[in-house]
C-alpha atoms as a PDB file:
ATOM      1  CA  UNK A   1      -8.787  -1.743 -15.107  1.00  0.00           C
ATOM      2  CA  UNK A   2      -9.181  -1.825 -11.127  1.00  0.00           C
ATOM      3  CA  UNK A   3      -7.395  -2.578  -7.807  1.00  0.00           C
ATOM      4  CA  UNK A   4      -9.214  -3.769  -5.530  1.00  0.00           C
ATOM      5  CA  UNK A   5      -7.861  -2.589  -2.204  1.00  0.00           C
ATOM      6  CA  UNK A   6      -8.353  -4.386   1.277  1.00  0.00           C
ATOM      7  CA  UNK A   7      -7.538  -5.671   4.797  1.00  0.00           C
ATOM      8  CA  UNK A   8      -8.403  -2.265   6.422  1.00  0.00           C
ATOM      9  CA  UNK A   9      -9.781  -1.621   9.708  1.00  0.00           C
ATOM     10  CA  UNK A  10      -9.925  -0.936  13.180  1.00  0.00           C
ATOM     11  CA  UNK A  11      -6.422  -1.648  15.483  1.00  0.00           C
ATOM     12  CA  UNK A  12      -5.248  -0.910  18.389  1.00  0.00           C
ATOM     13  CA  UNK A  13      -1.613   0.807  19.027  1.00  0.00           C
ATOM     14  CA  UNK A  14       1.648  -1.458  18.621  1.00  0.00           C
ATOM     15  CA  UNK A  15      -0.497  -4.046  16.454  1.00  0.00           C
ATOM     16  CA  UNK A  16      -0.556  -5.355  12.815  1.00  0.00           C
ATOM     17  CA  UNK A  17      -2.697  -5.368   9.979  1.00  0.00           C
ATOM     18  CA  UNK A  18      -2.410  -6.945   6.367  1.00  0.00           C
ATOM     19  CA  UNK A  19      -3.285  -4.523   3.004  1.00  0.00           C
ATOM     20  CA  UNK A  20      -3.913  -6.348  -0.594  1.00  0.00           C
ATOM     21  CA  UNK A  21      -4.623  -4.775  -3.971  1.00  0.00           C
ATOM     22  CA  UNK A  22      -5.683  -6.865  -6.285  1.00  0.00           C
ATOM     23  CA  UNK A  23      -5.203  -5.757  -9.993  1.00  0.00           C
ATOM     24  CA  UNK A  24      -7.493  -6.422 -13.815  1.00  0.00           C
ATOM     25  CA  UNK A  25      -7.090  -4.890 -16.934  1.00  0.00           C
ATOM     26  CA  UNK A  26      -3.947  -4.707 -17.400  1.00  0.00           C
ATOM     27  CA  UNK A  27      -0.257  -6.328 -17.203  1.00  0.00           C
ATOM     28  CA  UNK A  28       1.046  -6.181 -13.788  1.00  0.00           C
ATOM     29  CA  UNK A  29       3.899  -7.813 -13.435  1.00  0.00           C
ATOM     30  CA  UNK A  30       5.287  -5.177 -15.624  1.00  0.00           C
ATOM     31  CA  UNK A  31       3.888  -2.434 -12.963  1.00  0.00           C
ATOM     32  CA  UNK A  32       6.392  -0.652 -10.268  1.00  0.00           C
ATOM     33  CA  UNK A  33       3.262  -0.554  -7.869  1.00  0.00           C
ATOM     34  CA  UNK A  34       3.221   1.801  -4.731  1.00  0.00           C
ATOM     35  CA  UNK A  35       1.150   2.406  -1.355  1.00  0.00           C
ATOM     36  CA  UNK A  36      -0.079   5.780  -0.660  1.00  0.00           C
ATOM     37  CA  UNK A  37      -1.600   7.119   2.786  1.00  0.00           C
ATOM     38  CA  UNK A  38      -4.356  10.087   2.692  1.00  0.00           C
ATOM     39  CA  UNK A  39      -4.600  11.712   6.325  1.00  0.00           C
ATOM     40  CA  UNK A  40      -6.753  15.178   6.986  1.00  0.00           C
ATOM     41  CA  UNK A  41      -3.134  16.650   8.248  1.00  0.00           C
ATOM     42  CA  UNK A  42      -1.399  15.306   5.245  1.00  0.00           C
ATOM     43  CA  UNK A  43      -1.129  16.289   1.944  1.00  0.00           C
ATOM     44  CA  UNK A  44      -0.967  12.405  -0.337  1.00  0.00           C
ATOM     45  CA  UNK A  45       1.576  10.950   1.340  1.00  0.00           C
ATOM     46  CA  UNK A  46       4.193   7.957  -1.092  1.00  0.00           C
ATOM     47  CA  UNK A  47       4.164   5.332   1.933  1.00  0.00           C
ATOM     48  CA  UNK A  48       6.606   2.384  -0.473  1.00  0.00           C
ATOM     49  CA  UNK A  49       7.643   1.049  -3.574  1.00  0.00           C
ATOM     50  CA  UNK A  50       8.275  -2.517  -4.618  1.00  0.00           C
ATOM     51  CA  UNK A  51       9.417  -2.519  -8.836  1.00  0.00           C
ATOM     52  CA  UNK A  52       8.111  -4.560 -11.638  1.00  0.00           C
ATOM     53  CA  UNK A  53       9.370  -8.469 -10.490  1.00  0.00           C
ATOM     54  CA  UNK A  54       9.390  -7.150  -6.379  1.00  0.00           C
ATOM     55  CA  UNK A  55      13.155  -7.058  -6.270  1.00  0.00           C
ATOM     56  CA  UNK A  56      13.570  -3.664  -5.088  1.00  0.00           C
ATOM     57  CA  UNK A  57      11.820  -1.967  -2.519  1.00  0.00           C
ATOM     58  CA  UNK A  58      11.643   1.611  -1.237  1.00  0.00           C
ATOM     59  CA  UNK A  59       9.977   3.349   1.683  1.00  0.00           C
ATOM     60  CA  UNK A  60       9.144   6.556   3.309  1.00  0.00           C
ATOM     61  CA  UNK A  61      10.802   7.016   6.534  1.00  0.00           C
ATOM     62  CA  UNK A  62       8.409   7.336   8.510  1.00  0.00           C
ATOM     63  CA  UNK A  63       7.378   3.317   7.934  1.00  0.00           C
ATOM     64  CA  UNK A  64      10.710   1.726   7.336  1.00  0.00           C
ATOM     65  CA  UNK A  65      11.741  -0.559   9.577  1.00  0.00           C
ATOM     66  CA  UNK A  66       7.660  -1.258  10.333  1.00  0.00           C
ATOM     67  CA  UNK A  67       5.939  -2.106   6.771  1.00  0.00           C
ATOM     68  CA  UNK A  68       6.889  -4.204   4.254  1.00  0.00           C
ATOM     69  CA  UNK A  69       5.639  -4.301   0.797  1.00  0.00           C
ATOM     70  CA  UNK A  70       5.836  -7.813  -1.017  1.00  0.00           C
ATOM     71  CA  UNK A  71       4.440  -9.032  -4.307  1.00  0.00           C
ATOM     72  CA  UNK A  72       2.593 -11.467  -6.534  1.00  0.00           C
ATOM     73  CA  UNK A  73       2.578 -11.220  -9.266  1.00  0.00           C
ATOM     74  CA  UNK A  74       0.984 -15.397  -9.602  1.00  0.00           C
ATOM     75  CA  UNK A  75      -1.510 -13.308  -7.720  1.00  0.00           C
ATOM     76  CA  UNK A  76      -1.756 -10.442  -9.535  1.00  0.00           C
ATOM     77  CA  UNK A  77      -2.042  -9.306  -5.549  1.00  0.00           C
ATOM     78  CA  UNK A  78       0.101  -6.367  -4.061  1.00  0.00           C
ATOM     79  CA  UNK A  79       0.480  -6.484  -0.151  1.00  0.00           C
ATOM     80  CA  UNK A  80       1.271  -3.943   2.633  1.00  0.00           C
ATOM     81  CA  UNK A  81       2.328  -5.443   5.642  1.00  0.00           C
ATOM     82  CA  UNK A  82       1.674  -2.519   8.576  1.00  0.00           C
ATOM     83  CA  UNK A  83       3.699  -3.554  12.168  1.00  0.00           C
ATOM     84  CA  UNK A  84       3.699  -1.436  14.431  1.00  0.00           C
ATOM     85  CA  UNK A  85       1.338   0.262  14.090  1.00  0.00           C
ATOM     86  CA  UNK A  86       0.953   4.589  16.209  1.00  0.00           C
ATOM     87  CA  UNK A  87      -1.823   7.010  15.484  1.00  0.00           C
ATOM     88  CA  UNK A  88      -0.226   8.760  12.992  1.00  0.00           C
ATOM     89  CA  UNK A  89      -0.303   5.555  10.867  1.00  0.00           C
ATOM     90  CA  UNK A  90      -3.612   6.524  10.695  1.00  0.00           C
ATOM     91  CA  UNK A  91      -5.386   7.054   7.083  1.00  0.00           C
ATOM     92  CA  UNK A  92      -6.514   5.860   3.744  1.00  0.00           C
ATOM     93  CA  UNK A  93      -4.393   3.209   1.933  1.00  0.00           C
ATOM     94  CA  UNK A  94      -3.638   3.719  -1.636  1.00  0.00           C
ATOM     95  CA  UNK A  95      -2.629   0.841  -4.354  1.00  0.00           C
ATOM     96  CA  UNK A  96      -0.814   2.959  -7.557  1.00  0.00           C
ATOM     97  CA  UNK A  97       0.765   1.111 -10.753  1.00  0.00           C
ATOM     98  CA  UNK A  98       3.159   2.627 -12.567  1.00  0.00           C
ATOM     99  CA  UNK A  99       4.184   2.080 -15.478  1.00  0.00           C
ATOM    100  CA  UNK A 100       6.012   5.243 -17.315  1.00  0.00           C
ATOM    101  CA  UNK A 101       3.385   7.460 -17.911  1.00  0.00           C
ATOM    102  CA  UNK A 102       1.056   4.961 -17.064  1.00  0.00           C
ATOM    103  CA  UNK A 103      -0.871   5.056 -13.958  1.00  0.00           C
ATOM    104  CA  UNK A 104      -3.575   3.625 -12.706  1.00  0.00           C
ATOM    105  CA  UNK A 105      -5.519   3.554  -8.588  1.00  0.00           C
ATOM    106  CA  UNK A 106      -7.517   2.210  -6.240  1.00  0.00           C
ATOM    107  CA  UNK A 107     -10.853   3.262  -4.680  1.00  0.00           C
ATOM    108  CA  UNK A 108      -8.217   3.099  -0.823  1.00  0.00           C
ATOM    109  CA  UNK A 109      -8.894   0.985   2.105  1.00  0.00           C
ATOM    110  CA  UNK A 110      -9.276   3.180   5.962  1.00  0.00           C
ATOM    111  CA  UNK A 111      -6.836   2.058   8.853  1.00  0.00           C
ATOM    112  CA  UNK A 112      -7.199   3.509  12.306  1.00  0.00           C
ATOM    113  CA  UNK A 113      -5.164   2.834  14.983  1.00  0.00           C
ATOM    114  CA  UNK A 114      -6.363   4.164  18.054  1.00  0.00           C
ATOM    115  CA  UNK A 115      -7.224   3.117  21.717  1.00  0.00           C
END
């Protein structure tokens, strides 16, 4: 089982990034997919989630209206479109696959928002 995130980087405040997470080794289309983020100042924070078919999405208040989670089950990939980025969004972003007690994590991708 692997989850590989990509798309992180350095961006100025107000900018945008699109994260991707490619999954393999499990039945991707049957898992809920989530994005979390870690920063030195905060405990791991859930950011967004998408149901197995992508029809239901949920967001933390801190990212609602700015981030969009989506998935392509044909490509075993989940995305996080991040707009209007703020310095507070600086973190390592992780994708997570969840189905019942089965849970998988990626290795994370760094997002830094700074001028």
